[in-house]
Amino acid sequence: MRACHPPPVRKAPVLEKLFPAIVVAACLVLLLRLVLGERRRHRFDRTIARWSRTASSRIQGMFTWNASRRRARRAAEEAIRRAREGGEWDGNVYRPRSFKKKDKDRKIH
């Protein structure tokens, strides 16, 4: 004889729980805003706006920090390459070859 097993309980994925939680939180914030007086509502709005700017800049920073470091590294490597190839060093002074022009090309004021 076979034993009857109850059907497996399907656990809701994180997104299915997260989205309703965000909606409930937003509704509570809007309800709280309605209850507040005018002065407190303006202060509350400023605080929420500040938090929003902070959160958006941090989220943007998470996705762009690697790209900006990569650009900075490329720019530094390019400057080093130009310094090695494009001129002469006299001690710690760099003189590009483009500075060595003939006197007839110079325009005297």
PDB file of N, CA and C in Angstrom:
ATOM      1  N   MET A   1       0.805  -1.166   0.000  1.00  0.00           N
ATOM      2  CA  MET A   1       0.000   0.000   0.000  1.00  0.00           C
ATOM      3  C   MET A   1       0.865   1.254   0.000  1.00  0.00           C
ATOM      4  N   ARG A   2       0.457   2.169  -0.767  1.00  0.00           N
ATOM      5  CA  ARG A   2       1.193   3.426  -0.861  1.00  0.00           C
ATOM      6  C   ARG A   2       0.663   4.422   0.143  1.00  0.00           C
ATOM      7  N   ALA A   3       1.592   5.190   0.709  1.00  0.00           N
ATOM      8  CA  ALA A   3       1.179   6.242   1.628  1.00  0.00           C
ATOM      9  C   ALA A   3       0.897   7.500   0.815  1.00  0.00           C
ATOM     10  N   CYS A   4      -0.120   8.190   1.225  1.00  0.00           N
ATOM     11  CA  CYS A   4      -0.454   9.435   0.538  1.00  0.00           C
ATOM     12  C   CYS A   4       0.445  10.554   1.058  1.00  0.00           C
ATOM     13  N   HIS A   5       1.141  11.169   0.140  1.00  0.00           N
ATOM     14  CA  HIS A   5       1.991  12.291   0.502  1.00  0.00           C
ATOM     15  C   HIS A   5       1.294  13.579   0.103  1.00  0.00           C
ATOM     16  N   PRO A   6       1.343  14.561   0.983  1.00  0.00           N
ATOM     17  CA  PRO A   6       0.732  15.848   0.608  1.00  0.00           C
ATOM     18  C   PRO A   6       1.555  16.487  -0.513  1.00  0.00           C
ATOM     19  N   PRO A   7       0.913  17.268  -1.336  1.00  0.00           N
ATOM     20  CA  PRO A   7       1.655  17.908  -2.426  1.00  0.00           C
ATOM     21  C   PRO A   7       2.738  18.831  -1.846  1.00  0.00           C
ATOM     22  N   PRO A   8       3.873  18.924  -2.536  1.00  0.00           N
ATOM     23  CA  PRO A   8       4.952  19.780  -2.021  1.00  0.00           C
ATOM     24  C   PRO A   8       4.512  21.241  -1.976  1.00  0.00           C
ATOM     25  N   VAL A   9       4.921  21.906  -0.931  1.00  0.00           N
ATOM     26  CA  VAL A   9       4.583  23.313  -0.759  1.00  0.00           C
ATOM     27  C   VAL A   9       5.562  24.127  -1.581  1.00  0.00           C
ATOM     28  N   ARG A  10       5.027  24.940  -2.461  1.00  0.00           N
ATOM     29  CA  ARG A  10       5.868  25.776  -3.324  1.00  0.00           C
ATOM     30  C   ARG A  10       6.191  27.060  -2.587  1.00  0.00           C
ATOM     31  N   LYS A  11       7.468  27.288  -2.397  1.00  0.00           N
ATOM     32  CA  LYS A  11       7.872  28.522  -1.728  1.00  0.00           C
ATOM     33  C   LYS A  11       7.954  29.631  -2.760  1.00  0.00           C
ATOM     34  N   ALA A  12       7.454  30.779  -2.379  1.00  0.00           N
ATOM     35  CA  ALA A  12       7.444  31.920  -3.294  1.00  0.00           C
ATOM     36  C   ALA A  12       8.868  32.448  -3.463  1.00  0.00           C
ATOM     37  N   PRO A  13       9.253  32.717  -4.697  1.00  0.00           N
ATOM     38  CA  PRO A  13      10.575  33.311  -4.914  1.00  0.00           C
ATOM     39  C   PRO A  13      10.671  34.691  -4.266  1.00  0.00           C
ATOM     40  N   VAL A  14      11.870  35.145  -4.145  1.00  0.00           N
ATOM     41  CA  VAL A  14      12.133  36.406  -3.451  1.00  0.00           C
ATOM     42  C   VAL A  14      11.408  37.576  -4.110  1.00  0.00           C
ATOM     43  N   LEU A  15      11.410  37.625  -5.437  1.00  0.00           N
ATOM     44  CA  LEU A  15      10.766  38.744  -6.127  1.00  0.00           C
ATOM     45  C   LEU A  15       9.261  38.781  -5.883  1.00  0.00           C
ATOM     46  N   GLU A  16       8.658  37.612  -5.759  1.00  0.00           N
ATOM     47  CA  GLU A  16       7.221  37.571  -5.500  1.00  0.00           C
ATOM     48  C   GLU A  16       6.892  38.079  -4.106  1.00  0.00           C
ATOM     49  N   LYS A  17       7.837  38.006  -3.201  1.00  0.00           N
ATOM     50  CA  LYS A  17       7.623  38.545  -1.861  1.00  0.00           C
ATOM     51  C   LYS A  17       8.062  40.008  -1.780  1.00  0.00           C
ATOM     52  N   LEU A  18       9.085  40.339  -2.528  1.00  0.00           N
ATOM     53  CA  LEU A  18       9.657  41.676  -2.446  1.00  0.00           C
ATOM     54  C   LEU A  18       8.739  42.733  -3.048  1.00  0.00           C
ATOM     55  N   PHE A  19       8.150  42.455  -4.192  1.00  0.00           N
ATOM     56  CA  PHE A  19       7.294  43.440  -4.853  1.00  0.00           C
ATOM     57  C   PHE A  19       6.097  43.844  -3.998  1.00  0.00           C
ATOM     58  N   PRO A  20       5.335  42.901  -3.433  1.00  0.00           N
ATOM     59  CA  PRO A  20       4.226  43.329  -2.558  1.00  0.00           C
ATOM     60  C   PRO A  20       4.714  44.083  -1.323  1.00  0.00           C
ATOM     61  N   ALA A  21       5.874  43.730  -0.799  1.00  0.00           N
ATOM     62  CA  ALA A  21       6.400  44.431   0.369  1.00  0.00           C
ATOM     63  C   ALA A  21       6.717  45.883   0.017  1.00  0.00           C
ATOM     64  N   ILE A  22       7.260  46.116  -1.166  1.00  0.00           N
ATOM     65  CA  ILE A  22       7.566  47.486  -1.604  1.00  0.00           C
ATOM     66  C   ILE A  22       6.277  48.279  -1.786  1.00  0.00           C
ATOM     67  N   VAL A  23       5.252  47.651  -2.354  1.00  0.00           N
ATOM     68  CA  VAL A  23       3.963  48.326  -2.556  1.00  0.00           C
ATOM     69  C   VAL A  23       3.336  48.691  -1.215  1.00  0.00           C
ATOM     70  N   VAL A  24       3.383  47.783  -0.259  1.00  0.00           N
ATOM     71  CA  VAL A  24       2.820  48.055   1.071  1.00  0.00           C
ATOM     72  C   VAL A  24       3.593  49.191   1.744  1.00  0.00           C
ATOM     73  N   ALA A  25       4.915  49.168   1.634  1.00  0.00           N
ATOM     74  CA  ALA A  25       5.732  50.236   2.236  1.00  0.00           C
ATOM     75  C   ALA A  25       5.408  51.590   1.604  1.00  0.00           C
ATOM     76  N   ALA A  26       5.252  51.617   0.290  1.00  0.00           N
ATOM     77  CA  ALA A  26       4.922  52.876  -0.388  1.00  0.00           C
ATOM     78  C   ALA A  26       3.553  53.380   0.045  1.00  0.00           C
ATOM     79  N   CYS A  27       2.596  52.479   0.187  1.00  0.00           N
ATOM     80  CA  CYS A  27       1.257  52.893   0.646  1.00  0.00           C
ATOM     81  C   CYS A  27       1.311  53.442   2.068  1.00  0.00           C
ATOM     82  N   LEU A  28       2.094  52.818   2.938  1.00  0.00           N
ATOM     83  CA  LEU A  28       2.222  53.316   4.310  1.00  0.00           C
ATOM     84  C   LEU A  28       2.875  54.688   4.344  1.00  0.00           C
ATOM     85  N   VAL A  29       3.870  54.904   3.510  1.00  0.00           N
ATOM     86  CA  VAL A  29       4.526  56.215   3.452  1.00  0.00           C
ATOM     87  C   VAL A  29       3.545  57.280   2.980  1.00  0.00           C
ATOM     88  N   LEU A  30       2.757  56.965   1.960  1.00  0.00           N
ATOM     89  CA  LEU A  30       1.775  57.933   1.462  1.00  0.00           C
ATOM     90  C   LEU A  30       0.676  58.207   2.499  1.00  0.00           C
ATOM     91  N   LEU A  31       0.272  57.175   3.227  1.00  0.00           N
ATOM     92  CA  LEU A  31      -0.723  57.361   4.282  1.00  0.00           C
ATOM     93  C   LEU A  31      -0.166  58.231   5.403  1.00  0.00           C
ATOM     94  N   LEU A  32       1.069  57.997   5.795  1.00  0.00           N
ATOM     95  CA  LEU A  32       1.712  58.812   6.813  1.00  0.00           C
ATOM     96  C   LEU A  32       1.811  60.264   6.357  1.00  0.00           C
ATOM     97  N   ARG A  33       2.115  60.463   5.100  1.00  0.00           N
ATOM     98  CA  ARG A  33       2.224  61.823   4.555  1.00  0.00           C
ATOM     99  C   ARG A  33       0.880  62.558   4.623  1.00  0.00           C
ATOM    100  N   LEU A  34      -0.206  61.822   4.393  1.00  0.00           N
ATOM    101  CA  LEU A  34      -1.539  62.447   4.480  1.00  0.00           C
ATOM    102  C   LEU A  34      -1.882  62.869   5.906  1.00  0.00           C
ATOM    103  N   VAL A  35      -1.416  62.132   6.889  1.00  0.00           N
ATOM    104  CA  VAL A  35      -1.749  62.402   8.283  1.00  0.00           C
ATOM    105  C   VAL A  35      -0.969  63.595   8.819  1.00  0.00           C
ATOM    106  N   LEU A  36       0.229  63.836   8.295  1.00  0.00           N
ATOM    107  CA  LEU A  36       1.083  64.908   8.807  1.00  0.00           C
ATOM    108  C   LEU A  36       0.520  66.285   8.477  1.00  0.00           C
ATOM    109  N   GLY A  37       0.908  67.253   9.293  1.00  0.00           N
ATOM    110  CA  GLY A  37       0.547  68.636   9.019  1.00  0.00           C
ATOM    111  C   GLY A  37       1.411  69.199   7.895  1.00  0.00           C
ATOM    112  N   GLU A  38       1.152  70.451   7.540  1.00  0.00           N
ATOM    113  CA  GLU A  38       1.830  71.036   6.380  1.00  0.00           C
ATOM    114  C   GLU A  38       3.335  71.170   6.591  1.00  0.00           C
ATOM    115  N   ARG A  39       3.757  71.703   7.736  1.00  0.00           N
ATOM    116  CA  ARG A  39       5.198  71.878   7.983  1.00  0.00           C
ATOM    117  C   ARG A  39       5.926  70.542   8.011  1.00  0.00           C
ATOM    118  N   ARG A  40       5.348  69.627   8.760  1.00  0.00           N
ATOM    119  CA  ARG A  40       6.000  68.301   8.854  1.00  0.00           C
ATOM    120  C   ARG A  40       5.984  67.586   7.512  1.00  0.00           C
ATOM    121  N   ARG A  41       4.939  67.803   6.730  1.00  0.00           N
ATOM    122  CA  ARG A  41       4.873  67.174   5.406  1.00  0.00           C
ATOM    123  C   ARG A  41       5.989  67.697   4.506  1.00  0.00           C
ATOM    124  N   HIS A  42       6.257  69.007   4.557  1.00  0.00           N
ATOM    125  CA  HIS A  42       7.351  69.564   3.747  1.00  0.00           C
ATOM    126  C   HIS A  42       8.702  69.017   4.211  1.00  0.00           C
ATOM    127  N   ARG A  43       8.889  68.948   5.526  1.00  0.00           N
ATOM    128  CA  ARG A  43      10.137  68.398   6.048  1.00  0.00           C
ATOM    129  C   ARG A  43      10.267  66.916   5.674  1.00  0.00           C
ATOM    130  N   PHE A  44       9.164  66.194   5.765  1.00  0.00           N
ATOM    131  CA  PHE A  44       9.138  64.775   5.387  1.00  0.00           C
ATOM    132  C   PHE A  44       9.480  64.615   3.905  1.00  0.00           C
ATOM    133  N   ASP A  45       8.892  65.467   3.056  1.00  0.00           N
ATOM    134  CA  ASP A  45       9.177  65.406   1.620  1.00  0.00           C
ATOM    135  C   ASP A  45      10.642  65.688   1.328  1.00  0.00           C
ATOM    136  N   ARG A  46      11.229  66.676   2.023  1.00  0.00           N
ATOM    137  CA  ARG A  46      12.655  66.971   1.828  1.00  0.00           C
ATOM    138  C   ARG A  46      13.522  65.786   2.242  1.00  0.00           C
ATOM    139  N   THR A  47      13.165  65.156   3.359  1.00  0.00           N
ATOM    140  CA  THR A  47      13.928  64.005   3.835  1.00  0.00           C
ATOM    141  C   THR A  47      13.837  62.852   2.843  1.00  0.00           C
ATOM    142  N   ILE A  48      12.641  62.578   2.352  1.00  0.00           N
ATOM    143  CA  ILE A  48      12.466  61.495   1.373  1.00  0.00           C
ATOM    144  C   ILE A  48      13.236  61.816   0.090  1.00  0.00           C
ATOM    145  N   ALA A  49      13.210  63.060  -0.349  1.00  0.00           N
ATOM    146  CA  ALA A  49      13.945  63.454  -1.557  1.00  0.00           C
ATOM    147  C   ALA A  49      15.445  63.274  -1.350  1.00  0.00           C
ATOM    148  N   ARG A  50      15.940  63.643  -0.163  1.00  0.00           N
ATOM    149  CA  ARG A  50      17.369  63.482   0.122  1.00  0.00           C
ATOM    150  C   ARG A  50      17.745  62.002   0.126  1.00  0.00           C
ATOM    151  N   TRP A  51      16.925  61.167   0.764  1.00  0.00           N
ATOM    152  CA  TRP A  51      17.190  59.733   0.780  1.00  0.00           C
ATOM    153  C   TRP A  51      17.164  59.165  -0.636  1.00  0.00           C
ATOM    154  N   SER A  52      16.241  59.658  -1.443  1.00  0.00           N
ATOM    155  CA  SER A  52      16.127  59.187  -2.819  1.00  0.00           C
ATOM    156  C   SER A  52      17.381  59.537  -3.618  1.00  0.00           C
ATOM    157  N   ARG A  53      17.853  60.778  -3.475  1.00  0.00           N
ATOM    158  CA  ARG A  53      19.086  61.180  -4.183  1.00  0.00           C
ATOM    159  C   ARG A  53      20.276  60.351  -3.728  1.00  0.00           C
ATOM    160  N   THR A  54      20.380  60.122  -2.420  1.00  0.00           N
ATOM    161  CA  THR A  54      21.490  59.334  -1.888  1.00  0.00           C
ATOM    162  C   THR A  54      21.435  57.909  -2.414  1.00  0.00           C
ATOM    163  N   ALA A  55      20.250  57.319  -2.368  1.00  0.00           N
ATOM    164  CA  ALA A  55      20.114  55.937  -2.832  1.00  0.00           C
ATOM    165  C   ALA A  55      20.408  55.825  -4.322  1.00  0.00           C
ATOM    166  N   SER A  56      19.907  56.769  -5.118  1.00  0.00           N
ATOM    167  CA  SER A  56      20.140  56.676  -6.556  1.00  0.00           C
ATOM    168  C   SER A  56      21.610  56.877  -6.894  1.00  0.00           C
ATOM    169  N   SER A  57      22.289  57.781  -6.176  1.00  0.00           N
ATOM    170  CA  SER A  57      23.719  57.969  -6.462  1.00  0.00           C
ATOM    171  C   SER A  57      24.519  56.748  -6.044  1.00  0.00           C
ATOM    172  N   ARG A  58      24.137  56.101  -4.956  1.00  0.00           N
ATOM    173  CA  ARG A  58      24.852  54.884  -4.546  1.00  0.00           C
ATOM    174  C   ARG A  58      24.587  53.739  -5.511  1.00  0.00           C
ATOM    175  N   ILE A  59      23.356  53.618  -5.968  1.00  0.00           N
ATOM    176  CA  ILE A  59      23.047  52.557  -6.940  1.00  0.00           C
ATOM    177  C   ILE A  59      23.798  52.808  -8.238  1.00  0.00           C
ATOM    178  N   GLN A  60      23.819  54.061  -8.679  1.00  0.00           N
ATOM    179  CA  GLN A  60      24.559  54.396  -9.895  1.00  0.00           C
ATOM    180  C   GLN A  60      26.051  54.137  -9.693  1.00  0.00           C
ATOM    181  N   GLY A  61      26.557  54.451  -8.519  1.00  0.00           N
ATOM    182  CA  GLY A  61      27.959  54.214  -8.226  1.00  0.00           C
ATOM    183  C   GLY A  61      28.320  52.740  -8.247  1.00  0.00           C
ATOM    184  N   MET A  62      27.396  51.886  -7.814  1.00  0.00           N
ATOM    185  CA  MET A  62      27.668  50.446  -7.836  1.00  0.00           C
ATOM    186  C   MET A  62      27.863  49.944  -9.255  1.00  0.00           C
ATOM    187  N   PHE A  63      27.156  50.523 -10.200  1.00  0.00           N
ATOM    188  CA  PHE A  63      27.239  50.036 -11.571  1.00  0.00           C
ATOM    189  C   PHE A  63      28.289  50.748 -12.406  1.00  0.00           C
ATOM    190  N   THR A  64      28.798  51.883 -11.943  1.00  0.00           N
ATOM    191  CA  THR A  64      29.741  52.636 -12.774  1.00  0.00           C
ATOM    192  C   THR A  64      31.152  52.708 -12.215  1.00  0.00           C
ATOM    193  N   TRP A  65      31.393  52.224 -10.997  1.00  0.00           N
ATOM    194  CA  TRP A  65      32.725  52.392 -10.419  1.00  0.00           C
ATOM    195  C   TRP A  65      33.774  51.667 -11.243  1.00  0.00           C
ATOM    196  N   ASN A  66      33.451  50.497 -11.739  1.00  0.00           N
ATOM    197  CA  ASN A  66      34.433  49.728 -12.490  1.00  0.00           C
ATOM    198  C   ASN A  66      34.739  50.394 -13.828  1.00  0.00           C
ATOM    199  N   ALA A  67      33.744  50.928 -14.480  1.00  0.00           N
ATOM    200  CA  ALA A  67      33.963  51.576 -15.780  1.00  0.00           C
ATOM    201  C   ALA A  67      34.809  52.832 -15.621  1.00  0.00           C
ATOM    202  N   SER A  68      34.562  53.622 -14.574  1.00  0.00           N
ATOM    203  CA  SER A  68      35.349  54.838 -14.389  1.00  0.00           C
ATOM    204  C   SER A  68      36.795  54.502 -14.031  1.00  0.00           C
ATOM    205  N   ARG A  69      37.017  53.463 -13.264  1.00  0.00           N
ATOM    206  CA  ARG A  69      38.391  53.041 -12.975  1.00  0.00           C
ATOM    207  C   ARG A  69      39.089  52.564 -14.240  1.00  0.00           C
ATOM    208  N   ARG A  70      38.339  51.851 -15.063  1.00  0.00           N
ATOM    209  CA  ARG A  70      38.918  51.370 -16.327  1.00  0.00           C
ATOM    210  C   ARG A  70      39.308  52.543 -17.221  1.00  0.00           C
ATOM    211  N   ARG A  71      38.444  53.560 -17.311  1.00  0.00           N
ATOM    212  CA  ARG A  71      38.768  54.752 -18.122  1.00  0.00           C
ATOM    213  C   ARG A  71      39.984  55.478 -17.565  1.00  0.00           C
ATOM    214  N   ALA A  72      40.058  55.599 -16.249  1.00  0.00           N
ATOM    215  CA  ALA A  72      41.200  56.285 -15.633  1.00  0.00           C
ATOM    216  C   ALA A  72      42.487  55.507 -15.868  1.00  0.00           C
ATOM    217  N   ARG A  73      42.423  54.188 -15.764  1.00  0.00           N
ATOM    218  CA  ARG A  73      43.607  53.370 -16.006  1.00  0.00           C
ATOM    219  C   ARG A  73      44.074  53.500 -17.448  1.00  0.00           C
ATOM    220  N   ARG A  74      43.110  53.486 -18.398  1.00  0.00           N
ATOM    221  CA  ARG A  74      43.471  53.647 -19.815  1.00  0.00           C
ATOM    222  C   ARG A  74      44.109  55.003 -20.080  1.00  0.00           C
ATOM    223  N   ALA A  75      43.545  56.052 -19.484  1.00  0.00           N
ATOM    224  CA  ALA A  75      44.087  57.393 -19.679  1.00  0.00           C
ATOM    225  C   ALA A  75      45.501  57.496 -19.108  1.00  0.00           C
ATOM    226  N   ALA A  76      45.730  56.890 -17.949  1.00  0.00           N
ATOM    227  CA  ALA A  76      47.064  56.917 -17.347  1.00  0.00           C
ATOM    228  C   ALA A  76      48.063  56.134 -18.202  1.00  0.00           C
ATOM    229  N   GLU A  77      47.644  54.970 -18.683  1.00  0.00           N
ATOM    230  CA  GLU A  77      48.543  54.179 -19.532  1.00  0.00           C
ATOM    231  C   GLU A  77      48.864  54.910 -20.829  1.00  0.00           C
ATOM    232  N   GLU A  78      47.881  55.596 -21.393  1.00  0.00           N
ATOM    233  CA  GLU A  78      48.100  56.369 -22.619  1.00  0.00           C
ATOM    234  C   GLU A  78      49.073  57.520 -22.374  1.00  0.00           C
ATOM    235  N   ALA A  79      48.931  58.212 -21.256  1.00  0.00           N
ATOM    236  CA  ALA A  79      49.850  59.314 -20.931  1.00  0.00           C
ATOM    237  C   ALA A  79      51.268  58.793 -20.718  1.00  0.00           C
ATOM    238  N   ILE A  80      51.395  57.658 -20.068  1.00  0.00           N
ATOM    239  CA  ILE A  80      52.723  57.064 -19.857  1.00  0.00           C
ATOM    240  C   ILE A  80      53.336  56.652 -21.185  1.00  0.00           C
ATOM    241  N   ARG A  81      52.520  56.052 -22.052  1.00  0.00           N
ATOM    242  CA  ARG A  81      53.029  55.638 -23.363  1.00  0.00           C
ATOM    243  C   ARG A  81      53.492  56.839 -24.180  1.00  0.00           C
ATOM    244  N   ARG A  82      52.697  57.911 -24.170  1.00  0.00           N
ATOM    245  CA  ARG A  82      53.092  59.118 -24.907  1.00  0.00           C
ATOM    246  C   ARG A  82      54.381  59.708 -24.356  1.00  0.00           C
ATOM    247  N   ALA A  83      54.526  59.677 -23.039  1.00  0.00           N
ATOM    248  CA  ALA A  83      55.736  60.227 -22.426  1.00  0.00           C
ATOM    249  C   ALA A  83      56.962  59.396 -22.775  1.00  0.00           C
ATOM    250  N   ARG A  84      56.787  58.102 -22.893  1.00  0.00           N
ATOM    251  CA  ARG A  84      57.930  57.241 -23.220  1.00  0.00           C
ATOM    252  C   ARG A  84      58.333  57.361 -24.684  1.00  0.00           C
ATOM    253  N   GLU A  85      57.349  57.523 -25.559  1.00  0.00           N
ATOM    254  CA  GLU A  85      57.628  57.475 -26.989  1.00  0.00           C
ATOM    255  C   GLU A  85      57.765  58.837 -27.649  1.00  0.00           C
ATOM    256  N   GLY A  86      57.116  59.849 -27.143  1.00  0.00           N
ATOM    257  CA  GLY A  86      56.977  61.081 -27.898  1.00  0.00           C
ATOM    258  C   GLY A  86      57.977  62.176 -27.640  1.00  0.00           C
ATOM    259  N   GLY A  87      59.002  61.970 -26.841  1.00  0.00           N
ATOM    260  CA  GLY A  87      59.908  63.076 -26.585  1.00  0.00           C
ATOM    261  C   GLY A  87      61.175  62.620 -25.896  1.00  0.00           C
ATOM    262  N   GLU A  88      61.875  63.589 -25.325  1.00  0.00           N
ATOM    263  CA  GLU A  88      63.138  63.295 -24.656  1.00  0.00           C
ATOM    264  C   GLU A  88      63.050  63.737 -23.203  1.00  0.00           C
ATOM    265  N   TRP A  89      63.737  63.012 -22.372  1.00  0.00           N
ATOM    266  CA  TRP A  89      63.799  63.332 -20.955  1.00  0.00           C
ATOM    267  C   TRP A  89      65.166  63.928 -20.646  1.00  0.00           C
ATOM    268  N   ASP A  90      65.165  65.056 -19.971  1.00  0.00           N
ATOM    269  CA  ASP A  90      66.392  65.671 -19.502  1.00  0.00           C
ATOM    270  C   ASP A  90      66.277  65.720 -17.978  1.00  0.00           C
ATOM    271  N   GLY A  91      66.759  64.664 -17.321  1.00  0.00           N
ATOM    272  CA  GLY A  91      66.535  64.530 -15.880  1.00  0.00           C
ATOM    273  C   GLY A  91      65.074  64.191 -15.656  1.00  0.00           C
ATOM    274  N   ASN A  92      64.382  65.046 -14.946  1.00  0.00           N
ATOM    275  CA  ASN A  92      62.953  64.806 -14.737  1.00  0.00           C
ATOM    276  C   ASN A  92      62.093  65.754 -15.570  1.00  0.00           C
ATOM    277  N   VAL A  93      62.698  66.389 -16.570  1.00  0.00           N
ATOM    278  CA  VAL A  93      61.976  67.323 -17.439  1.00  0.00           C
ATOM    279  C   VAL A  93      61.709  66.632 -18.774  1.00  0.00           C
ATOM    280  N   TYR A  94      60.469  66.660 -19.191  1.00  0.00           N
ATOM    281  CA  TYR A  94      60.067  66.046 -20.459  1.00  0.00           C
ATOM    282  C   TYR A  94      59.939  67.128 -21.518  1.00  0.00           C
ATOM    283  N   ARG A  95      60.576  66.917 -22.664  1.00  0.00           N
ATOM    284  CA  ARG A  95      60.489  67.867 -23.773  1.00  0.00           C
ATOM    285  C   ARG A  95      59.968  67.129 -25.007  1.00  0.00           C
ATOM    286  N   PRO A  96      58.754  67.418 -25.410  1.00  0.00           N
ATOM    287  CA  PRO A  96      58.212  66.756 -26.600  1.00  0.00           C
ATOM    288  C   PRO A  96      58.998  67.157 -27.848  1.00  0.00           C
ATOM    289  N   ARG A  97      59.021  66.266 -28.816  1.00  0.00           N
ATOM    290  CA  ARG A  97      59.722  66.535 -30.073  1.00  0.00           C
ATOM    291  C   ARG A  97      59.063  67.671 -30.839  1.00  0.00           C
ATOM    292  N   SER A  98      57.794  67.878 -30.612  1.00  0.00           N
ATOM    293  CA  SER A  98      57.085  68.933 -31.334  1.00  0.00           C
ATOM    294  C   SER A  98      57.590  70.317 -30.935  1.00  0.00           C
ATOM    295  N   PHE A  99      58.280  70.442 -29.819  1.00  0.00           N
ATOM    296  CA  PHE A  99      58.835  71.733 -29.419  1.00  0.00           C
ATOM    297  C   PHE A  99      60.089  72.087 -30.208  1.00  0.00           C
ATOM    298  N   LYS A 100      60.705  71.101 -30.825  1.00  0.00           N
ATOM    299  CA  LYS A 100      61.930  71.347 -31.584  1.00  0.00           C
ATOM    300  C   LYS A 100      61.572  71.681 -33.023  1.00  0.00           C
ATOM    301  N   LYS A 101      61.240  72.906 -33.247  1.00  0.00           N
ATOM    302  CA  LYS A 101      60.922  73.346 -34.608  1.00  0.00           C
ATOM    303  C   LYS A 101      62.075  74.186 -35.123  1.00  0.00           C
ATOM    304  N   LYS A 102      62.164  74.270 -36.396  1.00  0.00           N
ATOM    305  CA  LYS A 102      63.212  75.083 -36.997  1.00  0.00           C
ATOM    306  C   LYS A 102      62.899  76.568 -36.786  1.00  0.00           C
ATOM    307  N   ASP A 103      63.944  77.381 -36.767  1.00  0.00           N
ATOM    308  CA  ASP A 103      63.752  78.806 -36.533  1.00  0.00           C
ATOM    309  C   ASP A 103      62.936  79.477 -37.624  1.00  0.00           C
ATOM    310  N   LYS A 104      63.013  78.980 -38.854  1.00  0.00           N
ATOM    311  CA  LYS A 104      62.256  79.609 -39.927  1.00  0.00           C
ATOM    312  C   LYS A 104      60.753  79.360 -39.765  1.00  0.00           C
ATOM    313  N   ASP A 105      60.373  78.313 -39.042  1.00  0.00           N
ATOM    314  CA  ASP A 105      58.955  78.040 -38.820  1.00  0.00           C
ATOM    315  C   ASP A 105      58.380  78.899 -37.688  1.00  0.00           C
ATOM    316  N   ARG A 106      59.264  79.437 -36.858  1.00  0.00           N
ATOM    317  CA  ARG A 106      58.775  80.238 -35.713  1.00  0.00           C
ATOM    318  C   ARG A 106      58.289  81.591 -36.178  1.00  0.00           C
ATOM    319  N   LYS A 107      57.267  82.026 -35.589  1.00  0.00           N
ATOM    320  CA  LYS A 107      56.705  83.313 -35.923  1.00  0.00           C
ATOM    321  C   LYS A 107      57.060  84.272 -34.797  1.00  0.00           C
ATOM    322  N   ILE A 108      57.879  85.258 -35.085  1.00  0.00           N
ATOM    323  CA  ILE A 108      58.300  86.208 -34.075  1.00  0.00           C
ATOM    324  C   ILE A 108      57.355  87.398 -34.121  1.00  0.00           C
ATOM    325  N   HIS A 109      56.888  87.816 -32.978  1.00  0.00           N
ATOM    326  CA  HIS A 109      55.918  88.908 -32.925  1.00  0.00           C
ATOM    327  C   HIS A 109      56.573  90.248 -33.008  1.00  0.00           C
TER     328      HIS A 109
END
